[in-house]
Amino acid sequence: MAEFNVHGESITDGNASGGIAITLYENGGVEERTLVATEILYITDVQIMCEDGGDIWLVSDSKAAGRYVAHGAVDAKGGMVINFRKPYVCPKGKGLKFYGAAANLNVCLVEGFIREA
């Protein structure tokens, strides 16, 4: 079974309230890595920083589906760091989306790996 270590990022200087897709890269690489329908993304670490305070969400699939990897409120110039003891398992073939503040700098970084289902 193939396994690929990946990191993901969303760095937005502006409105992230409508959701920003997390771009995945294989560790050590610079080319974007797209999930295929038969792959599962496992999340081991999350770092979120926001210049403006407010509610943040990191979701797999969609907010409507309720698949929250991380959700909470952060203070201005605050953030959150999560290190999962057991990786968070995303739905097969689904990536991540970050929802943050409506203005200024929003940063979401993730670490994990991809496996075939």
PDB file of N, CA and C in Angstrom:
ATOM      1  N   MET A   1       0.853  -1.175   0.000  1.00  0.00           N
ATOM      2  CA  MET A   1       0.000   0.000   0.000  1.00  0.00           C
ATOM      3  C   MET A   1       0.897   1.236   0.000  1.00  0.00           C
ATOM      4  N   ALA A   2       0.696   2.094  -0.987  1.00  0.00           N
ATOM      5  CA  ALA A   2       1.500   3.310  -1.093  1.00  0.00           C
ATOM      6  C   ALA A   2       1.077   4.317  -0.033  1.00  0.00           C
ATOM      7  N   GLU A   3       2.071   5.010   0.524  1.00  0.00           N
ATOM      8  CA  GLU A   3       1.809   6.064   1.499  1.00  0.00           C
ATOM      9  C   GLU A   3       2.700   7.247   1.158  1.00  0.00           C
ATOM     10  N   PHE A   4       2.124   8.442   1.164  1.00  0.00           N
ATOM     11  CA  PHE A   4       2.847   9.659   0.837  1.00  0.00           C
ATOM     12  C   PHE A   4       2.722  10.637   1.993  1.00  0.00           C
ATOM     13  N   ASN A   5       3.842  11.088   2.557  1.00  0.00           N
ATOM     14  CA  ASN A   5       3.807  12.142   3.566  1.00  0.00           C
ATOM     15  C   ASN A   5       3.543  13.462   2.850  1.00  0.00           C
ATOM     16  N   VAL A   6       2.638  14.260   3.419  1.00  0.00           N
ATOM     17  CA  VAL A   6       2.265  15.526   2.787  1.00  0.00           C
ATOM     18  C   VAL A   6       2.192  16.640   3.819  1.00  0.00           C
ATOM     19  N   HIS A   7       2.289  17.848   3.320  1.00  0.00           N
ATOM     20  CA  HIS A   7       1.961  19.031   4.113  1.00  0.00           C
ATOM     21  C   HIS A   7       1.015  19.864   3.267  1.00  0.00           C
ATOM     22  N   GLY A   8       0.200  20.639   3.951  1.00  0.00           N
ATOM     23  CA  GLY A   8      -0.765  21.466   3.247  1.00  0.00           C
ATOM     24  C   GLY A   8      -0.741  22.873   3.784  1.00  0.00           C
ATOM     25  N   GLU A   9      -1.172  23.814   2.954  1.00  0.00           N
ATOM     26  CA  GLU A   9      -1.169  25.199   3.403  1.00  0.00           C
ATOM     27  C   GLU A   9      -2.233  26.024   2.700  1.00  0.00           C
ATOM     28  N   SER A  10      -2.699  27.006   3.444  1.00  0.00           N
ATOM     29  CA  SER A  10      -3.564  28.052   2.922  1.00  0.00           C
ATOM     30  C   SER A  10      -3.095  29.335   3.591  1.00  0.00           C
ATOM     31  N   ILE A  11      -2.554  30.240   2.803  1.00  0.00           N
ATOM     32  CA  ILE A  11      -2.081  31.518   3.319  1.00  0.00           C
ATOM     33  C   ILE A  11      -2.809  32.597   2.531  1.00  0.00           C
ATOM     34  N   THR A  12      -3.672  33.329   3.223  1.00  0.00           N
ATOM     35  CA  THR A  12      -4.521  34.312   2.569  1.00  0.00           C
ATOM     36  C   THR A  12      -4.380  35.659   3.251  1.00  0.00           C
ATOM     37  N   ASP A  13      -4.069  36.681   2.494  1.00  0.00           N
ATOM     38  CA  ASP A  13      -4.045  38.034   3.022  1.00  0.00           C
ATOM     39  C   ASP A  13      -5.342  38.694   2.570  1.00  0.00           C
ATOM     40  N   GLY A  14      -6.409  38.356   3.267  1.00  0.00           N
ATOM     41  CA  GLY A  14      -7.728  38.859   2.902  1.00  0.00           C
ATOM     42  C   GLY A  14      -8.815  37.960   3.438  1.00  0.00           C
ATOM     43  N   ASN A  15      -9.945  37.988   2.783  1.00  0.00           N
ATOM     44  CA  ASN A  15     -11.144  37.319   3.256  1.00  0.00           C
ATOM     45  C   ASN A  15     -11.059  35.798   3.117  1.00  0.00           C
ATOM     46  N   ALA A  16     -11.144  35.092   4.239  1.00  0.00           N
ATOM     47  CA  ALA A  16     -11.162  33.626   4.235  1.00  0.00           C
ATOM     48  C   ALA A  16     -12.493  33.099   4.754  1.00  0.00           C
ATOM     49  N   SER A  17     -13.479  33.985   4.900  1.00  0.00           N
ATOM     50  CA  SER A  17     -14.758  33.564   5.484  1.00  0.00           C
ATOM     51  C   SER A  17     -15.563  32.657   4.553  1.00  0.00           C
ATOM     52  N   GLY A  18     -15.298  32.706   3.260  1.00  0.00           N
ATOM     53  CA  GLY A  18     -16.020  31.858   2.312  1.00  0.00           C
ATOM     54  C   GLY A  18     -15.380  30.511   2.095  1.00  0.00           C
ATOM     55  N   GLY A  19     -14.248  30.285   2.733  1.00  0.00           N
ATOM     56  CA  GLY A  19     -13.564  28.999   2.617  1.00  0.00           C
ATOM     57  C   GLY A  19     -12.467  29.026   1.570  1.00  0.00           C
ATOM     58  N   ILE A  20     -11.314  28.533   1.952  1.00  0.00           N
ATOM     59  CA  ILE A  20     -10.147  28.465   1.082  1.00  0.00           C
ATOM     60  C   ILE A  20      -9.654  27.017   1.086  1.00  0.00           C
ATOM     61  N   ALA A  21      -9.479  26.438  -0.089  1.00  0.00           N
ATOM     62  CA  ALA A  21      -8.983  25.067  -0.182  1.00  0.00           C
ATOM     63  C   ALA A  21      -7.541  24.995   0.314  1.00  0.00           C
ATOM     64  N   ILE A  22      -7.231  23.929   1.035  1.00  0.00           N
ATOM     65  CA  ILE A  22      -5.871  23.681   1.487  1.00  0.00           C
ATOM     66  C   ILE A  22      -5.122  22.994   0.345  1.00  0.00           C
ATOM     67  N   THR A  23      -4.022  23.582  -0.080  1.00  0.00           N
ATOM     68  CA  THR A  23      -3.194  23.009  -1.132  1.00  0.00           C
ATOM     69  C   THR A  23      -2.237  22.013  -0.504  1.00  0.00           C
ATOM     70  N   LEU A  24      -2.199  20.790  -1.041  1.00  0.00           N
ATOM     71  CA  LEU A  24      -1.335  19.737  -0.521  1.00  0.00           C
ATOM     72  C   LEU A  24      -0.088  19.591  -1.382  1.00  0.00           C
ATOM     73  N   TYR A  25       1.036  19.278  -0.727  1.00  0.00           N
ATOM     74  CA  TYR A  25       2.304  19.013  -1.387  1.00  0.00           C
ATOM     75  C   TYR A  25       2.927  17.783  -0.755  1.00  0.00           C
ATOM     76  N   GLU A  26       3.546  16.915  -1.573  1.00  0.00           N
ATOM     77  CA  GLU A  26       4.317  15.829  -0.981  1.00  0.00           C
ATOM     78  C   GLU A  26       5.512  16.443  -0.280  1.00  0.00           C
ATOM     79  N   ASN A  27       5.871  15.905   0.886  1.00  0.00           N
ATOM     80  CA  ASN A  27       7.010  16.453   1.626  1.00  0.00           C
ATOM     81  C   ASN A  27       8.249  16.459   0.748  1.00  0.00           C
ATOM     82  N   GLY A  28       8.933  17.588   0.723  1.00  0.00           N
ATOM     83  CA  GLY A  28      10.122  17.752  -0.095  1.00  0.00           C
ATOM     84  C   GLY A  28       9.830  18.185  -1.514  1.00  0.00           C
ATOM     85  N   GLY A  29       8.544  18.291  -1.870  1.00  0.00           N
ATOM     86  CA  GLY A  29       8.180  18.655  -3.232  1.00  0.00           C
ATOM     87  C   GLY A  29       7.552  20.035  -3.315  1.00  0.00           C
ATOM     88  N   VAL A  30       7.481  20.555  -4.528  1.00  0.00           N
ATOM     89  CA  VAL A  30       6.879  21.871  -4.743  1.00  0.00           C
ATOM     90  C   VAL A  30       5.662  21.816  -5.662  1.00  0.00           C
ATOM     91  N   GLU A  31       5.353  20.622  -6.185  1.00  0.00           N
ATOM     92  CA  GLU A  31       4.188  20.477  -7.051  1.00  0.00           C
ATOM     93  C   GLU A  31       2.967  20.115  -6.216  1.00  0.00           C
ATOM     94  N   GLU A  32       1.828  20.731  -6.567  1.00  0.00           N
ATOM     95  CA  GLU A  32       0.581  20.468  -5.857  1.00  0.00           C
ATOM     96  C   GLU A  32       0.200  18.995  -6.002  1.00  0.00           C
ATOM     97  N   ARG A  33      -0.299  18.424  -4.904  1.00  0.00           N
ATOM     98  CA  ARG A  33      -0.714  17.015  -4.881  1.00  0.00           C
ATOM     99  C   ARG A  33      -2.231  16.970  -4.775  1.00  0.00           C
ATOM    100  N   THR A  34      -2.883  16.411  -5.774  1.00  0.00           N
ATOM    101  CA  THR A  34      -4.342  16.316  -5.783  1.00  0.00           C
ATOM    102  C   THR A  34      -4.757  14.916  -5.358  1.00  0.00           C
ATOM    103  N   LEU A  35      -5.725  14.841  -4.442  1.00  0.00           N
ATOM    104  CA  LEU A  35      -6.257  13.541  -4.022  1.00  0.00           C
ATOM    105  C   LEU A  35      -7.098  12.946  -5.137  1.00  0.00           C
ATOM    106  N   VAL A  36      -7.006  11.635  -5.309  1.00  0.00           N
ATOM    107  CA  VAL A  36      -7.907  10.932  -6.220  1.00  0.00           C
ATOM    108  C   VAL A  36      -8.993  10.255  -5.390  1.00  0.00           C
ATOM    109  N   ALA A  37     -10.029   9.788  -6.038  1.00  0.00           N
ATOM    110  CA  ALA A  37     -11.210   9.252  -5.355  1.00  0.00           C
ATOM    111  C   ALA A  37     -10.903   8.063  -4.457  1.00  0.00           C
ATOM    112  N   THR A  38      -9.797   7.364  -4.700  1.00  0.00           N
ATOM    113  CA  THR A  38      -9.481   6.164  -3.915  1.00  0.00           C
ATOM    114  C   THR A  38      -8.479   6.429  -2.799  1.00  0.00           C
ATOM    115  N   GLU A  39      -8.112   7.692  -2.560  1.00  0.00           N
ATOM    116  CA  GLU A  39      -7.125   8.016  -1.536  1.00  0.00           C
ATOM    117  C   GLU A  39      -7.770   8.634  -0.305  1.00  0.00           C
ATOM    118  N   ILE A  40      -7.128   8.402   0.842  1.00  0.00           N
ATOM    119  CA  ILE A  40      -7.595   8.957   2.113  1.00  0.00           C
ATOM    120  C   ILE A  40      -6.491   9.833   2.688  1.00  0.00           C
ATOM    121  N   LEU A  41      -6.873  11.039   3.120  1.00  0.00           N
ATOM    122  CA  LEU A  41      -5.952  11.971   3.752  1.00  0.00           C
ATOM    123  C   LEU A  41      -6.061  11.822   5.264  1.00  0.00           C
ATOM    124  N   TYR A  42      -4.929  11.613   5.915  1.00  0.00           N
ATOM    125  CA  TYR A  42      -4.844  11.514   7.368  1.00  0.00           C
ATOM    126  C   TYR A  42      -4.129  12.763   7.865  1.00  0.00           C
ATOM    127  N   ILE A  43      -4.704  13.466   8.844  1.00  0.00           N
ATOM    128  CA  ILE A  43      -4.128  14.691   9.381  1.00  0.00           C
ATOM    129  C   ILE A  43      -3.509  14.385  10.747  1.00  0.00           C
ATOM    130  N   THR A  44      -2.226  14.761  10.915  1.00  0.00           N
ATOM    131  CA  THR A  44      -1.550  14.535  12.192  1.00  0.00           C
ATOM    132  C   THR A  44      -1.344  15.828  12.981  1.00  0.00           C
ATOM    133  N   ASP A  45      -1.162  16.955  12.293  1.00  0.00           N
ATOM    134  CA  ASP A  45      -0.880  18.224  12.957  1.00  0.00           C
ATOM    135  C   ASP A  45      -1.549  19.375  12.208  1.00  0.00           C
ATOM    136  N   VAL A  46      -2.026  20.354  12.986  1.00  0.00           N
ATOM    137  CA  VAL A  46      -2.671  21.542  12.425  1.00  0.00           C
ATOM    138  C   VAL A  46      -2.136  22.775  13.146  1.00  0.00           C
ATOM    139  N   GLN A  47      -1.816  23.826  12.392  1.00  0.00           N
ATOM    140  CA  GLN A  47      -1.463  25.125  12.961  1.00  0.00           C
ATOM    141  C   GLN A  47      -2.291  26.184  12.243  1.00  0.00           C
ATOM    142  N   ILE A  48      -2.980  27.020  13.028  1.00  0.00           N
ATOM    143  CA  ILE A  48      -3.815  28.082  12.462  1.00  0.00           C
ATOM    144  C   ILE A  48      -3.456  29.386  13.146  1.00  0.00           C
ATOM    145  N   MET A  49      -3.241  30.420  12.348  1.00  0.00           N
ATOM    146  CA  MET A  49      -2.964  31.757  12.867  1.00  0.00           C
ATOM    147  C   MET A  49      -3.843  32.753  12.121  1.00  0.00           C
ATOM    148  N   CYS A  50      -4.419  33.702  12.868  1.00  0.00           N
ATOM    149  CA  CYS A  50      -5.286  34.715  12.264  1.00  0.00           C
ATOM    150  C   CYS A  50      -4.913  36.089  12.810  1.00  0.00           C
ATOM    151  N   GLU A  51      -4.788  37.057  11.905  1.00  0.00           N
ATOM    152  CA  GLU A  51      -4.493  38.423  12.341  1.00  0.00           C
ATOM    153  C   GLU A  51      -5.691  39.032  13.053  1.00  0.00           C
ATOM    154  N   ASP A  52      -6.895  38.778  12.535  1.00  0.00           N
ATOM    155  CA  ASP A  52      -8.120  39.227  13.187  1.00  0.00           C
ATOM    156  C   ASP A  52      -8.706  38.061  13.972  1.00  0.00           C
ATOM    157  N   GLY A  53      -9.317  38.336  15.098  1.00  0.00           N
ATOM    158  CA  GLY A  53      -9.947  37.285  15.887  1.00  0.00           C
ATOM    159  C   GLY A  53     -11.266  36.850  15.269  1.00  0.00           C
ATOM    160  N   GLY A  54     -11.754  35.715  15.721  1.00  0.00           N
ATOM    161  CA  GLY A  54     -13.051  35.233  15.261  1.00  0.00           C
ATOM    162  C   GLY A  54     -13.097  33.725  15.217  1.00  0.00           C
ATOM    163  N   ASP A  55     -14.190  33.218  14.685  1.00  0.00           N
ATOM    164  CA  ASP A  55     -14.367  31.776  14.553  1.00  0.00           C
ATOM    165  C   ASP A  55     -13.558  31.251  13.375  1.00  0.00           C
ATOM    166  N   ILE A  56     -12.999  30.075  13.545  1.00  0.00           N
ATOM    167  CA  ILE A  56     -12.278  29.405  12.467  1.00  0.00           C
ATOM    168  C   ILE A  56     -12.774  27.967  12.356  1.00  0.00           C
ATOM    169  N   TRP A  57     -12.682  27.437  11.161  1.00  0.00           N
ATOM    170  CA  TRP A  57     -13.038  26.050  10.891  1.00  0.00           C
ATOM    171  C   TRP A  57     -12.012  25.475   9.932  1.00  0.00           C
ATOM    172  N   LEU A  58     -11.619  24.254  10.167  1.00  0.00           N
ATOM    173  CA  LEU A  58     -10.897  23.451   9.186  1.00  0.00           C
ATOM    174  C   LEU A  58     -11.765  22.228   8.990  1.00  0.00           C
ATOM    175  N   VAL A  59     -12.252  22.022   7.772  1.00  0.00           N
ATOM    176  CA  VAL A  59     -13.212  20.962   7.527  1.00  0.00           C
ATOM    177  C   VAL A  59     -12.741  20.041   6.406  1.00  0.00           C
ATOM    178  N   SER A  60     -13.120  18.785   6.526  1.00  0.00           N
ATOM    179  CA  SER A  60     -12.951  17.848   5.422  1.00  0.00           C
ATOM    180  C   SER A  60     -14.338  17.683   4.815  1.00  0.00           C
ATOM    181  N   ASP A  61     -14.413  17.729   3.529  1.00  0.00           N
ATOM    182  CA  ASP A  61     -15.677  17.701   2.794  1.00  0.00           C
ATOM    183  C   ASP A  61     -16.288  19.099   2.810  1.00  0.00           C
ATOM    184  N   SER A  62     -17.211  19.405   3.747  1.00  0.00           N
ATOM    185  CA  SER A  62     -17.837  20.732   3.764  1.00  0.00           C
ATOM    186  C   SER A  62     -18.336  21.054   5.174  1.00  0.00           C
ATOM    187  N   LYS A  63     -18.562  22.360   5.434  1.00  0.00           N
ATOM    188  CA  LYS A  63     -19.123  22.745   6.733  1.00  0.00           C
ATOM    189  C   LYS A  63     -20.496  22.118   6.923  1.00  0.00           C
ATOM    190  N   ALA A  64     -21.278  22.072   5.861  1.00  0.00           N
ATOM    191  CA  ALA A  64     -22.628  21.504   5.949  1.00  0.00           C
ATOM    192  C   ALA A  64     -22.592  20.029   6.343  1.00  0.00           C
ATOM    193  N   ALA A  65     -21.547  19.318   5.926  1.00  0.00           N
ATOM    194  CA  ALA A  65     -21.431  17.898   6.267  1.00  0.00           C
ATOM    195  C   ALA A  65     -21.014  17.703   7.721  1.00  0.00           C
ATOM    196  N   GLY A  66     -20.525  18.787   8.370  1.00  0.00           N
ATOM    197  CA  GLY A  66     -20.158  18.706   9.782  1.00  0.00           C
ATOM    198  C   GLY A  66     -18.886  17.942  10.067  1.00  0.00           C
ATOM    199  N   ARG A  67     -18.000  17.794   9.090  1.00  0.00           N
ATOM    200  CA  ARG A  67     -16.750  17.059   9.272  1.00  0.00           C
ATOM    201  C   ARG A  67     -15.649  18.036   9.676  1.00  0.00           C
ATOM    202  N   TYR A  68     -15.663  18.466  10.955  1.00  0.00           N
ATOM    203  CA  TYR A  68     -14.704  19.451  11.448  1.00  0.00           C
ATOM    204  C   TYR A  68     -13.421  18.782  11.918  1.00  0.00           C
ATOM    205  N   VAL A  69     -12.300  19.179  11.339  1.00  0.00           N
ATOM    206  CA  VAL A  69     -10.993  18.756  11.822  1.00  0.00           C
ATOM    207  C   VAL A  69     -10.637  19.637  13.014  1.00  0.00           C
ATOM    208  N   ALA A  70     -10.934  20.938  12.890  1.00  0.00           N
ATOM    209  CA  ALA A  70     -10.701  21.909  13.965  1.00  0.00           C
ATOM    210  C   ALA A  70     -11.770  22.987  13.874  1.00  0.00           C
ATOM    211  N   HIS A  71     -12.233  23.446  15.032  1.00  0.00           N
ATOM    212  CA  HIS A  71     -13.227  24.519  15.076  1.00  0.00           C
ATOM    213  C   HIS A  71     -13.090  25.221  16.411  1.00  0.00           C
ATOM    214  N   GLY A  72     -13.116  26.535  16.374  1.00  0.00           N
ATOM    215  CA  GLY A  72     -13.024  27.282  17.614  1.00  0.00           C
ATOM    216  C   GLY A  72     -12.932  28.770  17.342  1.00  0.00           C
ATOM    217  N   ALA A  73     -12.745  29.526  18.388  1.00  0.00           N
ATOM    218  CA  ALA A  73     -12.588  30.972  18.282  1.00  0.00           C
ATOM    219  C   ALA A  73     -11.167  31.330  18.678  1.00  0.00           C
ATOM    220  N   VAL A  74     -10.586  32.276  17.949  1.00  0.00           N
ATOM    221  CA  VAL A  74      -9.242  32.741  18.269  1.00  0.00           C
ATOM    222  C   VAL A  74      -9.275  34.247  18.492  1.00  0.00           C
ATOM    223  N   ASP A  75      -8.390  34.724  19.348  1.00  0.00           N
ATOM    224  CA  ASP A  75      -8.237  36.157  19.583  1.00  0.00           C
ATOM    225  C   ASP A  75      -7.474  36.783  18.423  1.00  0.00           C
ATOM    226  N   ALA A  76      -7.537  38.117  18.328  1.00  0.00           N
ATOM    227  CA  ALA A  76      -6.750  38.828  17.322  1.00  0.00           C
ATOM    228  C   ALA A  76      -5.277  38.471  17.497  1.00  0.00           C
ATOM    229  N   LYS A  77      -4.619  38.208  16.393  1.00  0.00           N
ATOM    230  CA  LYS A  77      -3.222  37.782  16.364  1.00  0.00           C
ATOM    231  C   LYS A  77      -3.012  36.496  17.159  1.00  0.00           C
ATOM    232  N   GLY A  78      -4.042  35.666  17.166  1.00  0.00           N
ATOM    233  CA  GLY A  78      -3.990  34.406  17.891  1.00  0.00           C
ATOM    234  C   GLY A  78      -4.079  33.233  16.950  1.00  0.00           C
ATOM    235  N   GLY A  79      -4.201  32.068  17.540  1.00  0.00           N
ATOM    236  CA  GLY A  79      -4.300  30.868  16.728  1.00  0.00           C
ATOM    237  C   GLY A  79      -4.467  29.629  17.566  1.00  0.00           C
ATOM    238  N   MET A  80      -4.289  28.500  16.925  1.00  0.00           N
ATOM    239  CA  MET A  80      -4.372  27.220  17.623  1.00  0.00           C
ATOM    240  C   MET A  80      -3.409  26.243  16.983  1.00  0.00           C
ATOM    241  N   VAL A  81      -2.934  25.327  17.816  1.00  0.00           N
ATOM    242  CA  VAL A  81      -2.060  24.248  17.367  1.00  0.00           C
ATOM    243  C   VAL A  81      -2.665  22.953  17.883  1.00  0.00           C
ATOM    244  N   ILE A  82      -2.806  21.973  16.986  1.00  0.00           N
ATOM    245  CA  ILE A  82      -3.363  20.669  17.364  1.00  0.00           C
ATOM    246  C   ILE A  82      -2.408  19.585  16.891  1.00  0.00           C
ATOM    247  N   ASN A  83      -2.042  18.696  17.801  1.00  0.00           N
ATOM    248  CA  ASN A  83      -1.248  17.510  17.486  1.00  0.00           C
ATOM    249  C   ASN A  83      -2.109  16.313  17.845  1.00  0.00           C
ATOM    250  N   PHE A  84      -2.620  15.625  16.840  1.00  0.00           N
ATOM    251  CA  PHE A  84      -3.507  14.492  17.079  1.00  0.00           C
ATOM    252  C   PHE A  84      -2.718  13.277  17.552  1.00  0.00           C
ATOM    253  N   ARG A  85      -3.197  12.618  18.607  1.00  0.00           N
ATOM    254  CA  ARG A  85      -2.570  11.365  19.062  1.00  0.00           C
ATOM    255  C   ARG A  85      -2.793  10.277  18.022  1.00  0.00           C
ATOM    256  N   LYS A  86      -4.016  10.231  17.499  1.00  0.00           N
ATOM    257  CA  LYS A  86      -4.349   9.352  16.382  1.00  0.00           C
ATOM    258  C   LYS A  86      -4.728  10.284  15.240  1.00  0.00           C
ATOM    259  N   PRO A  87      -4.253  10.044  14.043  1.00  0.00           N
ATOM    260  CA  PRO A  87      -4.563  10.958  12.937  1.00  0.00           C
ATOM    261  C   PRO A  87      -6.066  11.105  12.705  1.00  0.00           C
ATOM    262  N   TYR A  88      -6.460  12.321  12.333  1.00  0.00           N
ATOM    263  CA  TYR A  88      -7.832  12.569  11.900  1.00  0.00           C
ATOM    264  C   TYR A  88      -7.954  11.989  10.493  1.00  0.00           C
ATOM    265  N   VAL A  89      -8.980  11.185  10.253  1.00  0.00           N
ATOM    266  CA  VAL A  89      -9.166  10.520   8.971  1.00  0.00           C
ATOM    267  C   VAL A  89     -10.243  11.255   8.172  1.00  0.00           C
ATOM    268  N   CYS A  90      -9.851  11.800   7.028  1.00  0.00           N
ATOM    269  CA  CYS A  90     -10.798  12.501   6.147  1.00  0.00           C
ATOM    270  C   CYS A  90     -11.579  11.484   5.317  1.00  0.00           C
ATOM    271  N   PRO A  91     -12.755  11.865   4.815  1.00  0.00           N
ATOM    272  CA  PRO A  91     -13.496  10.964   3.929  1.00  0.00           C
ATOM    273  C   PRO A  91     -12.688  10.659   2.664  1.00  0.00           C
ATOM    274  N   LYS A  92     -12.883   9.485   2.129  1.00  0.00           N
ATOM    275  CA  LYS A  92     -12.155   9.049   0.944  1.00  0.00           C
ATOM    276  C   LYS A  92     -12.301  10.073  -0.189  1.00  0.00           C
ATOM    277  N   GLY A  93     -11.160  10.486  -0.749  1.00  0.00           N
ATOM    278  CA  GLY A  93     -11.156  11.401  -1.883  1.00  0.00           C
ATOM    279  C   GLY A  93     -11.429  12.859  -1.566  1.00  0.00           C
ATOM    280  N   LYS A  94     -11.603  13.204  -0.283  1.00  0.00           N
ATOM    281  CA  LYS A  94     -11.943  14.583   0.104  1.00  0.00           C
ATOM    282  C   LYS A  94     -10.738  15.298   0.698  1.00  0.00           C
ATOM    283  N   GLY A  95     -10.537  16.537   0.267  1.00  0.00           N
ATOM    284  CA  GLY A  95      -9.473  17.380   0.798  1.00  0.00           C
ATOM    285  C   GLY A  95      -9.988  18.238   1.937  1.00  0.00           C
ATOM    286  N   LEU A  96      -9.275  19.316   2.214  1.00  0.00           N
ATOM    287  CA  LEU A  96      -9.593  20.199   3.335  1.00  0.00           C
ATOM    288  C   LEU A  96      -9.915  21.603   2.859  1.00  0.00           C
ATOM    289  N   LYS A  97     -10.736  22.285   3.653  1.00  0.00           N
ATOM    290  CA  LYS A  97     -11.053  23.680   3.409  1.00  0.00           C
ATOM    291  C   LYS A  97     -10.953  24.434   4.726  1.00  0.00           C
ATOM    292  N   PHE A  98     -10.365  25.635   4.667  1.00  0.00           N
ATOM    293  CA  PHE A  98     -10.194  26.476   5.844  1.00  0.00           C
ATOM    294  C   PHE A  98     -11.115  27.686   5.748  1.00  0.00           C
ATOM    295  N   TYR A  99     -11.829  27.961   6.841  1.00  0.00           N
ATOM    296  CA  TYR A  99     -12.690  29.145   6.953  1.00  0.00           C
ATOM    297  C   TYR A  99     -12.139  29.981   8.099  1.00  0.00           C
ATOM    298  N   GLY A 100     -11.832  31.246   7.813  1.00  0.00           N
ATOM    299  CA  GLY A 100     -11.242  32.100   8.838  1.00  0.00           C
ATOM    300  C   GLY A 100     -11.866  33.476   8.846  1.00  0.00           C
ATOM    301  N   ALA A 101     -11.055  34.451   9.227  1.00  0.00           N
ATOM    302  CA  ALA A 101     -11.526  35.827   9.375  1.00  0.00           C
ATOM    303  C   ALA A 101     -11.839  36.447   8.010  1.00  0.00           C
ATOM    304  N   ALA A 102     -12.644  37.516   8.061  1.00  0.00           N
ATOM    305  CA  ALA A 102     -13.083  38.185   6.840  1.00  0.00           C
ATOM    306  C   ALA A 102     -12.056  39.183   6.319  1.00  0.00           C
ATOM    307  N   ALA A 103     -10.959  39.384   7.021  1.00  0.00           N
ATOM    308  CA  ALA A 103      -9.956  40.347   6.565  1.00  0.00           C
ATOM    309  C   ALA A 103      -8.585  39.972   7.113  1.00  0.00           C
ATOM    310  N   ASN A 104      -7.581  40.590   6.559  1.00  0.00           N
ATOM    311  CA  ASN A 104      -6.198  40.463   7.002  1.00  0.00           C
ATOM    312  C   ASN A 104      -5.665  39.044   6.857  1.00  0.00           C
ATOM    313  N   LEU A 105      -4.561  38.754   7.514  1.00  0.00           N
ATOM    314  CA  LEU A 105      -3.828  37.512   7.292  1.00  0.00           C
ATOM    315  C   LEU A 105      -4.481  36.313   7.979  1.00  0.00           C
ATOM    316  N   ASN A 106      -4.678  35.242   7.215  1.00  0.00           N
ATOM    317  CA  ASN A 106      -5.181  33.958   7.705  1.00  0.00           C
ATOM    318  C   ASN A 106      -4.220  32.877   7.216  1.00  0.00           C
ATOM    319  N   VAL A 107      -3.709  32.071   8.149  1.00  0.00           N
ATOM    320  CA  VAL A 107      -2.752  31.023   7.786  1.00  0.00           C
ATOM    321  C   VAL A 107      -3.226  29.705   8.388  1.00  0.00           C
ATOM    322  N   CYS A 108      -3.252  28.665   7.567  1.00  0.00           N
ATOM    323  CA  CYS A 108      -3.575  27.322   8.047  1.00  0.00           C
ATOM    324  C   CYS A 108      -2.562  26.365   7.437  1.00  0.00           C
ATOM    325  N   LEU A 109      -1.858  25.630   8.300  1.00  0.00           N
ATOM    326  CA  LEU A 109      -0.859  24.654   7.875  1.00  0.00           C
ATOM    327  C   LEU A 109      -1.230  23.297   8.451  1.00  0.00           C
ATOM    328  N   VAL A 110      -1.076  22.246   7.647  1.00  0.00           N
ATOM    329  CA  VAL A 110      -1.376  20.894   8.115  1.00  0.00           C
ATOM    330  C   VAL A 110      -0.236  19.956   7.725  1.00  0.00           C
ATOM    331  N   GLU A 111      -0.089  18.910   8.506  1.00  0.00           N
ATOM    332  CA  GLU A 111       0.856  17.828   8.233  1.00  0.00           C
ATOM    333  C   GLU A 111       0.070  16.530   8.264  1.00  0.00           C
ATOM    334  N   GLY A 112       0.482  15.576   7.456  1.00  0.00           N
ATOM    335  CA  GLY A 112      -0.194  14.291   7.464  1.00  0.00           C
ATOM    336  C   GLY A 112       0.357  13.362   6.412  1.00  0.00           C
ATOM    337  N   PHE A 113      -0.500  12.428   5.979  1.00  0.00           N
ATOM    338  CA  PHE A 113      -0.099  11.490   4.943  1.00  0.00           C
ATOM    339  C   PHE A 113      -1.319  11.019   4.174  1.00  0.00           C
ATOM    340  N   ILE A 114      -1.063  10.493   2.986  1.00  0.00           N
ATOM    341  CA  ILE A 114      -2.115   9.980   2.099  1.00  0.00           C
ATOM    342  C   ILE A 114      -1.869   8.496   1.905  1.00  0.00           C
ATOM    343  N   ARG A 115      -2.967   7.721   1.965  1.00  0.00           N
ATOM    344  CA  ARG A 115      -2.909   6.273   1.695  1.00  0.00           C
ATOM    345  C   ARG A 115      -4.023   5.909   0.725  1.00  0.00           C
ATOM    346  N   GLU A 116      -3.786   4.849  -0.022  1.00  0.00           N
ATOM    347  CA  GLU A 116      -4.845   4.279  -0.858  1.00  0.00           C
ATOM    348  C   GLU A 116      -5.902   3.670   0.048  1.00  0.00           C
ATOM    349  N   ALA A 117      -7.164   3.793  -0.331  1.00  0.00           N
ATOM    350  CA  ALA A 117      -8.259   3.230   0.470  1.00  0.00           C
ATOM    351  C   ALA A 117      -8.281   1.726   0.367  1.00  0.00           C
TER     352      ALA A 117
END
